[in-house]
Amino acid sequence: MKNLSHKKGEKAASLPSILPLLGGVRGGFRLMFPSLEGLGVGFAFCLLALASPVKAQFQENFQQEFQQQCQNASYNRSASSTQTTSYDYLRAAAYDLPEKTRVSFAGCYLRAANLKGANLSGVDFTGVDLGPVTTVQRADVTQRVSDLSEVNFSDAKLDYVSFARAILNNANFTQARLYSADMSNAQLRNAKLDNSFAPYLTLYNADLTGATLTSAELTSARMTGARLINTNLSGAKLVGADLRNINQSINRNLNAEVSASNTNLRGADLSRAQLRGANLRGANLSSANLSGADLREADLTGASLNGASLSGANFCRATMPNGTISQRGCEQLTLPI
């Protein structure tokens, strides 16, 4: 084997010198993510680059040990992408880095990947694109979406990740970081986003039927047109969130289901939230903070507002819990329509 050691501060191994490792890299990922095999050598290069700091001092057996770990992984079907392997310890020692306990896909291209049922707890997905691949051929546009049903993303770092149109039913995002992530048009039925940190999360037209977002940080989240049937948002922070026209698409066709939606917003902070035209029939807004919220033309039939803070809220032409049409706020002519 060639001596790949470098002096401290010098550049790590050149690209040609690491080519023999790619077979091992791909073998390892066939174990952890079998459906990613088709992403090819480019994907392996991306991950290898992420694992190799520019300034590093190699130990003599580093390359050999790295290759051995990848080969072992291809045969160890019980391995988990969240385990701390001997490679992780070796890498930390070789580069004088803190122990590596997370897999990192930061900045990688995983569009249309099928990770159904994968355990990705604690994985760093910063800036990863998991949105759909659009194929245009002779004016025929087809969509292939990422199937991430039942995937465990708990405690994962997912800042700026695109999940647009992804299938995320029963996925677990408990305590995950989703800062400015994009879940527009995603299917999130029965998904768990409890205690997630998701300011500026985009959920345009997302289906959150049966999902739980208890105590989630959703400040300035964009949820226009989202479906919140039987969704639990109790204790969530939705300051300045845009929830205009939520449930409207269902309301047109499934009025009976929506009337019993029972969205749980108990204790939620909806101060200054945009809820114009929102369908909140039967919603639990007990002890919620609706200060300064825009509820014009919202439907609150049968909703519970016990103990809710309504200071400065605009209910112009909203249907109140008792079925009456409110004129509160209609006199504020300066408020934009």
Protein backbone atom coordinates (compact mmCIF):
# COMPACT_ATOMS: atom_id res chain seq x y z
CA MET A 1 0.00 0.00 0.00
CA LYS A 2 1.24 3.45 -0.80
CA ASN A 3 2.14 5.69 2.06
CA LEU A 4 -0.63 8.29 2.20
CA SER A 5 0.48 10.02 5.38
CA HIS A 6 0.77 13.77 5.30
CA LYS A 7 2.27 16.40 7.45
CA LYS A 8 -0.15 18.26 9.66
CA GLY A 9 -1.74 21.15 7.78
CA GLU A 10 -1.18 19.61 4.35
CA LYS A 11 -3.97 18.56 2.05
CA ALA A 12 -5.54 15.13 2.52
CA ALA A 13 -5.19 12.32 -0.03
CA SER A 14 -5.79 13.29 -3.64
CA LEU A 15 -8.84 12.03 -5.50
CA PRO A 16 -7.04 9.32 -7.54
CA SER A 17 -5.58 7.80 -4.37
CA ILE A 18 -9.01 7.10 -2.89
CA LEU A 19 -10.62 5.59 -5.98
CA PRO A 20 -9.97 1.99 -4.83
CA LEU A 21 -12.15 2.65 -1.79
CA LEU A 22 -15.33 3.35 -3.69
CA GLY A 23 -16.30 -0.29 -3.94
CA GLY A 24 -16.18 -0.56 -0.17
CA VAL A 25 -18.13 2.67 0.26
CA ARG A 26 -20.89 1.49 -2.03
CA GLY A 27 -20.99 -1.90 -0.33
CA GLY A 28 -21.49 -0.27 3.04
CA PHE A 29 -24.34 1.83 1.83
CA ARG A 30 -26.04 -1.17 0.24
CA LEU A 31 -26.49 -2.30 3.81
CA MET A 32 -27.65 0.93 5.39
CA PHE A 33 -29.67 2.24 2.46
CA PRO A 34 -30.20 -0.53 -0.14
CA SER A 35 -32.32 1.69 -2.37
CA LEU A 36 -29.56 4.31 -2.65
CA GLU A 37 -27.28 1.96 -4.57
CA GLY A 38 -28.52 3.37 -7.86
CA LEU A 39 -27.19 6.81 -7.00
CA GLY A 40 -23.78 5.55 -8.13
CA VAL A 41 -20.22 6.67 -7.73
CA GLY A 42 -21.09 10.35 -7.48
CA PHE A 43 -22.99 9.70 -4.26
CA ALA A 44 -20.01 7.80 -2.84
CA PHE A 45 -17.70 10.69 -3.74
CA CYS A 46 -20.03 13.09 -1.91
CA LEU A 47 -20.01 11.04 1.29
CA LEU A 48 -16.28 10.36 1.12
CA ALA A 49 -15.57 14.06 0.69
CA LEU A 50 -17.71 14.82 3.72
CA ALA A 51 -15.77 12.30 5.78
CA SER A 52 -12.36 13.74 4.82
CA PRO A 53 -11.34 17.13 6.28
CA VAL A 54 -8.82 19.02 4.16
CA LYS A 55 -6.40 19.54 7.01
CA ALA A 56 -5.65 16.18 8.57
CA GLN A 57 -2.86 13.87 9.61
CA PHE A 58 -3.41 10.28 8.54
CA GLN A 59 -2.39 7.35 10.67
CA GLU A 60 -0.75 4.52 8.75
CA ASN A 61 -3.66 2.12 8.97
CA PHE A 62 -6.43 4.66 8.38
CA GLN A 63 -7.18 3.83 4.75
CA GLN A 64 -6.96 0.09 5.33
CA GLU A 65 -9.27 0.24 8.34
CA PHE A 66 -11.78 2.44 6.51
CA GLN A 67 -12.01 -0.02 3.64
CA GLN A 68 -12.35 -2.96 6.04
CA GLN A 69 -15.23 -1.29 7.87
CA CYS A 70 -17.13 -0.75 4.62
CA GLN A 71 -16.59 -4.38 3.62
CA ASN A 72 -17.77 -5.60 7.00
CA ALA A 73 -20.87 -3.44 6.77
CA SER A 74 -21.94 -5.06 3.51
CA TYR A 75 -22.25 -8.40 5.32
CA ASN A 76 -23.58 -7.20 8.66
CA ARG A 77 -27.30 -6.94 8.00
CA SER A 78 -28.09 -5.93 11.57
CA ALA A 79 -25.98 -2.76 11.47
CA SER A 80 -27.53 0.63 12.10
CA SER A 81 -26.57 3.92 10.52
CA THR A 82 -26.65 5.47 13.98
CA GLN A 83 -24.13 3.12 15.59
CA THR A 84 -20.68 4.38 16.51
CA THR A 85 -18.38 2.07 14.58
CA SER A 86 -14.68 1.43 15.03
CA TYR A 87 -14.21 3.58 11.92
CA ASP A 88 -15.83 6.47 13.77
CA TYR A 89 -13.38 6.09 16.65
CA LEU A 90 -10.44 5.72 14.27
CA ARG A 91 -11.45 8.79 12.29
CA ALA A 92 -11.70 10.83 15.48
CA ALA A 93 -8.24 9.71 16.57
CA ALA A 94 -6.66 10.18 13.14
CA TYR A 95 -7.94 13.73 12.75
CA ASP A 96 -7.86 14.67 16.42
CA LEU A 97 -11.61 15.30 16.25
CA PRO A 98 -14.43 14.76 18.73
CA GLU A 99 -16.03 11.34 18.51
CA LYS A 100 -18.27 10.98 15.46
CA THR A 101 -21.61 9.49 16.44
CA ARG A 102 -23.70 10.71 13.51
CA VAL A 103 -23.89 9.85 9.87
CA SER A 104 -23.73 13.02 7.76
CA PHE A 105 -25.42 13.56 4.41
CA ALA A 106 -24.95 17.34 4.63
CA GLY A 107 -25.34 18.94 1.19
CA CYS A 108 -25.94 15.66 -0.64
CA TYR A 109 -28.42 15.03 -3.45
CA LEU A 110 -30.94 12.35 -2.45
CA ARG A 111 -33.93 13.26 -4.60
CA ALA A 112 -36.37 10.39 -5.24
CA ALA A 113 -34.54 8.20 -2.72
CA ASN A 114 -36.54 5.37 -1.14
CA LEU A 115 -35.64 5.21 2.55
CA LYS A 116 -38.87 3.60 3.73
CA GLY A 117 -38.51 2.22 7.23
CA ALA A 118 -34.88 3.33 7.62
CA ASN A 119 -33.57 4.37 11.04
CA LEU A 120 -32.00 7.78 10.52
CA SER A 121 -32.17 8.96 14.11
CA GLY A 122 -29.65 11.71 14.76
CA VAL A 123 -28.40 11.91 11.17
CA ASP A 124 -27.19 15.29 9.85
CA PHE A 125 -29.19 16.15 6.71
CA THR A 126 -28.37 19.87 6.60
CA GLY A 127 -29.21 21.24 3.15
CA VAL A 128 -30.10 17.84 1.69
CA ASP A 129 -32.62 17.79 -1.16
CA LEU A 130 -35.11 14.94 -0.70
CA GLY A 131 -37.74 16.44 -2.98
CA PRO A 132 -39.20 14.88 -6.11
CA VAL A 133 -37.44 14.35 -9.39
CA THR A 134 -39.29 15.86 -12.31
CA THR A 135 -38.81 14.12 -15.64
CA VAL A 136 -39.88 16.03 -18.74
CA GLN A 137 -40.12 14.01 -21.93
CA ARG A 138 -42.15 15.09 -24.93
CA ALA A 139 -44.25 17.41 -22.77
CA ASP A 140 -45.10 14.51 -20.43
CA VAL A 141 -44.31 15.57 -16.86
CA THR A 142 -44.12 12.78 -14.29
CA GLN A 143 -43.24 13.02 -10.63
CA ARG A 144 -41.23 10.50 -8.64
CA VAL A 145 -41.45 11.36 -4.96
CA SER A 146 -39.28 10.31 -2.06
CA ASP A 147 -40.95 7.53 -0.05
CA LEU A 148 -39.89 8.16 3.54
CA SER A 149 -42.83 6.44 5.27
CA GLU A 150 -42.08 5.30 8.82
CA VAL A 151 -38.52 6.66 8.68
CA ASN A 152 -37.08 7.64 12.06
CA PHE A 153 -35.65 11.16 11.85
CA SER A 154 -35.82 11.78 15.62
CA ASP A 155 -33.12 14.20 16.81
CA ALA A 156 -31.88 14.57 13.21
CA LYS A 157 -30.57 17.88 11.88
CA LEU A 158 -32.71 18.73 8.85
CA ASP A 159 -32.23 22.49 8.46
CA TYR A 160 -33.14 23.72 4.95
CA VAL A 161 -33.92 20.19 3.74
CA SER A 162 -36.46 19.88 0.93
CA PHE A 163 -39.13 17.22 1.49
CA ALA A 164 -41.43 18.74 -1.14
CA ARG A 165 -44.09 16.20 -2.19
CA ALA A 166 -42.38 13.50 -0.15
CA ILE A 167 -44.36 10.63 1.39
CA LEU A 168 -43.71 10.94 5.13
CA ASN A 169 -46.65 9.03 6.57
CA ASN A 170 -45.91 7.74 10.10
CA ALA A 171 -42.43 9.30 9.96
CA ASN A 172 -40.86 10.26 13.28
CA PHE A 173 -39.41 13.79 13.54
CA THR A 174 -39.52 13.97 17.34
CA GLN A 175 -37.07 16.64 18.58
CA ALA A 176 -35.67 17.04 15.06
CA ARG A 177 -34.29 20.35 13.76
CA LEU A 178 -36.29 21.49 10.74
CA TYR A 179 -35.32 25.14 10.49
CA SER A 180 -36.66 26.54 7.20
CA ALA A 181 -37.25 23.03 5.84
CA ASP A 182 -39.70 22.60 2.94
CA MET A 183 -42.53 20.08 3.36
CA SER A 184 -44.91 21.65 0.89
CA ASN A 185 -47.42 19.19 -0.58
CA ALA A 186 -45.91 16.42 1.56
CA GLN A 187 -47.95 13.55 3.00
CA LEU A 188 -47.47 13.59 6.77
CA ARG A 189 -50.40 11.46 7.93
CA ASN A 190 -49.87 10.30 11.52
CA ALA A 191 -46.35 11.73 11.50
CA LYS A 192 -44.72 12.70 14.80
CA LEU A 193 -43.15 16.17 15.03
CA ASP A 194 -43.42 16.58 18.79
CA ASN A 195 -40.89 18.97 20.35
CA SER A 196 -39.38 19.64 16.94
CA PHE A 197 -37.54 22.91 16.29
CA ALA A 198 -39.04 24.14 13.03
CA PRO A 199 -39.20 27.95 12.67
CA TYR A 200 -40.05 29.00 9.10
CA LEU A 201 -41.06 25.43 8.20
CA THR A 202 -43.01 25.39 4.92
CA LEU A 203 -46.10 23.18 4.95
CA TYR A 204 -48.09 24.58 2.03
CA ASN A 205 -50.91 22.14 1.21
CA ALA A 206 -49.28 19.45 3.35
CA ASP A 207 -51.50 16.66 4.68
CA LEU A 208 -51.01 16.48 8.47
CA THR A 209 -54.06 14.34 9.17
CA GLY A 210 -53.59 12.63 12.52
CA ALA A 211 -50.10 14.10 12.98
CA THR A 212 -48.81 15.21 16.37
CA LEU A 213 -46.85 18.45 16.78
CA THR A 214 -47.12 18.94 20.53
CA SER A 215 -44.82 21.64 21.92
CA ALA A 216 -43.26 22.11 18.48
CA GLU A 217 -41.48 25.40 17.73
CA LEU A 218 -43.28 26.60 14.58
CA THR A 219 -42.71 30.35 14.72
CA SER A 220 -43.46 31.93 11.33
CA ALA A 221 -44.27 28.53 9.83
CA ARG A 222 -46.00 28.71 6.45
CA MET A 223 -49.00 26.38 6.55
CA THR A 224 -51.38 27.86 4.00
CA GLY A 225 -53.78 25.21 2.73
CA ALA A 226 -52.49 22.51 5.11
CA ARG A 227 -54.82 19.71 6.21
CA LEU A 228 -54.99 19.54 10.00
CA ILE A 229 -57.68 16.91 10.52
CA ASN A 230 -57.33 15.35 14.00
CA THR A 231 -53.94 17.04 14.25
CA ASN A 232 -52.50 17.64 17.72
CA LEU A 233 -50.77 21.02 18.05
CA SER A 234 -51.21 21.39 21.79
CA GLY A 235 -48.54 23.59 23.31
CA ALA A 236 -47.05 24.39 19.91
CA LYS A 237 -45.54 27.82 19.33
CA LEU A 238 -47.07 29.28 16.17
CA VAL A 239 -46.21 32.96 16.63
CA GLY A 240 -46.67 34.72 13.31
CA ALA A 241 -47.46 31.45 11.54
CA ASP A 242 -49.47 31.56 8.32
CA LEU A 243 -52.40 29.14 8.60
CA ARG A 244 -54.73 30.77 6.09
CA ASN A 245 -57.25 28.49 4.42
CA ILE A 246 -56.18 25.38 6.31
CA ASN A 247 -58.47 22.42 5.63
CA GLN A 248 -60.21 24.23 2.78
CA SER A 249 -59.45 21.56 0.19
CA ILE A 250 -61.04 18.92 2.41
CA ASN A 251 -63.93 21.17 3.36
CA ARG A 252 -65.16 21.27 -0.23
CA ASN A 253 -65.53 17.51 -0.45
CA LEU A 254 -65.62 16.03 3.05
CA ASN A 255 -67.61 18.51 5.09
CA ALA A 256 -68.78 15.88 7.57
CA GLU A 257 -65.22 14.79 8.32
CA VAL A 258 -63.99 18.34 8.72
CA SER A 259 -66.82 19.29 11.07
CA ALA A 260 -65.40 16.70 13.47
CA SER A 261 -61.77 17.48 12.81
CA ASN A 262 -61.07 18.20 16.49
CA THR A 263 -57.71 19.81 15.79
CA ASN A 264 -55.98 20.15 19.17
CA LEU A 265 -54.46 23.60 19.62
CA ARG A 266 -54.81 23.67 23.39
CA GLY A 267 -52.32 26.12 24.89
CA ALA A 268 -50.80 26.84 21.48
CA ASP A 269 -49.21 30.24 20.92
CA LEU A 270 -50.98 31.61 17.83
CA SER A 271 -50.25 35.26 18.51
CA ARG A 272 -50.25 37.25 15.27
CA ALA A 273 -50.94 34.04 13.33
CA GLN A 274 -52.59 34.32 9.92
CA LEU A 275 -55.75 32.20 10.19
CA ARG A 276 -57.97 33.95 7.68
CA GLY A 277 -60.50 31.52 6.21
CA ALA A 278 -59.17 28.65 8.33
CA ASN A 279 -61.53 25.76 9.02
CA LEU A 280 -61.30 25.22 12.77
CA ARG A 281 -64.62 23.48 13.28
CA GLY A 282 -64.53 21.58 16.55
CA ALA A 283 -60.95 22.66 17.23
CA ASN A 284 -59.69 22.80 20.81
CA LEU A 285 -58.28 26.30 21.32
CA SER A 286 -58.59 26.26 25.11
CA SER A 287 -55.97 28.47 26.77
CA ALA A 288 -54.48 29.26 23.36
CA ASN A 289 -52.90 32.65 22.74
CA LEU A 290 -54.72 34.28 19.80
CA SER A 291 -53.56 37.82 20.56
CA GLY A 292 -53.42 39.83 17.36
CA ALA A 293 -54.33 36.79 15.24
CA ASP A 294 -56.14 37.27 11.94
CA LEU A 295 -59.24 35.05 12.06
CA ARG A 296 -61.29 36.85 9.44
CA GLU A 297 -63.83 34.56 7.79
CA ALA A 298 -62.57 31.58 9.81
CA ASP A 299 -65.02 28.81 10.73
CA LEU A 300 -64.96 28.19 14.48
CA THR A 301 -68.23 26.27 14.68
CA GLY A 302 -68.17 24.10 17.79
CA ALA A 303 -64.63 25.16 18.67
CA SER A 304 -63.56 25.61 22.29
CA LEU A 305 -62.13 29.01 23.22
CA ASN A 306 -62.21 28.55 27.00
CA GLY A 307 -59.44 30.56 28.60
CA ALA A 308 -58.06 31.67 25.24
CA SER A 309 -56.41 35.08 24.96
CA LEU A 310 -58.25 37.02 22.23
CA SER A 311 -56.77 40.49 22.73
CA GLY A 312 -56.50 42.28 19.40
CA ALA A 313 -57.70 39.26 17.41
CA ASN A 314 -59.70 40.04 14.27
CA PHE A 315 -62.87 37.93 13.92
CA CYS A 316 -64.47 39.94 11.10
CA ARG A 317 -67.09 37.74 9.40
CA ALA A 318 -65.82 34.67 11.26
CA THR A 319 -68.31 31.98 12.25
CA MET A 320 -68.13 31.77 16.04
CA PRO A 321 -68.50 28.57 18.12
CA ASN A 322 -72.24 29.21 18.61
CA GLY A 323 -72.80 29.67 14.87
CA THR A 324 -73.13 33.47 14.88
CA ILE A 325 -71.22 35.67 12.41
CA SER A 326 -68.84 38.02 14.18
CA GLN A 327 -68.37 41.67 13.23
CA ARG A 328 -65.45 42.12 15.60
CA GLY A 329 -62.61 43.76 13.71
CA CYS A 330 -64.66 44.70 10.65
CA GLU A 331 -64.35 48.33 11.67
CA GLN A 332 -60.57 48.15 11.19
CA LEU A 333 -60.69 49.45 7.63
CA THR A 334 -56.93 49.90 7.46
CA LEU A 335 -56.30 46.18 7.86
CA PRO A 336 -55.37 44.69 4.46
CA ILE A 337 -58.00 42.52 2.84
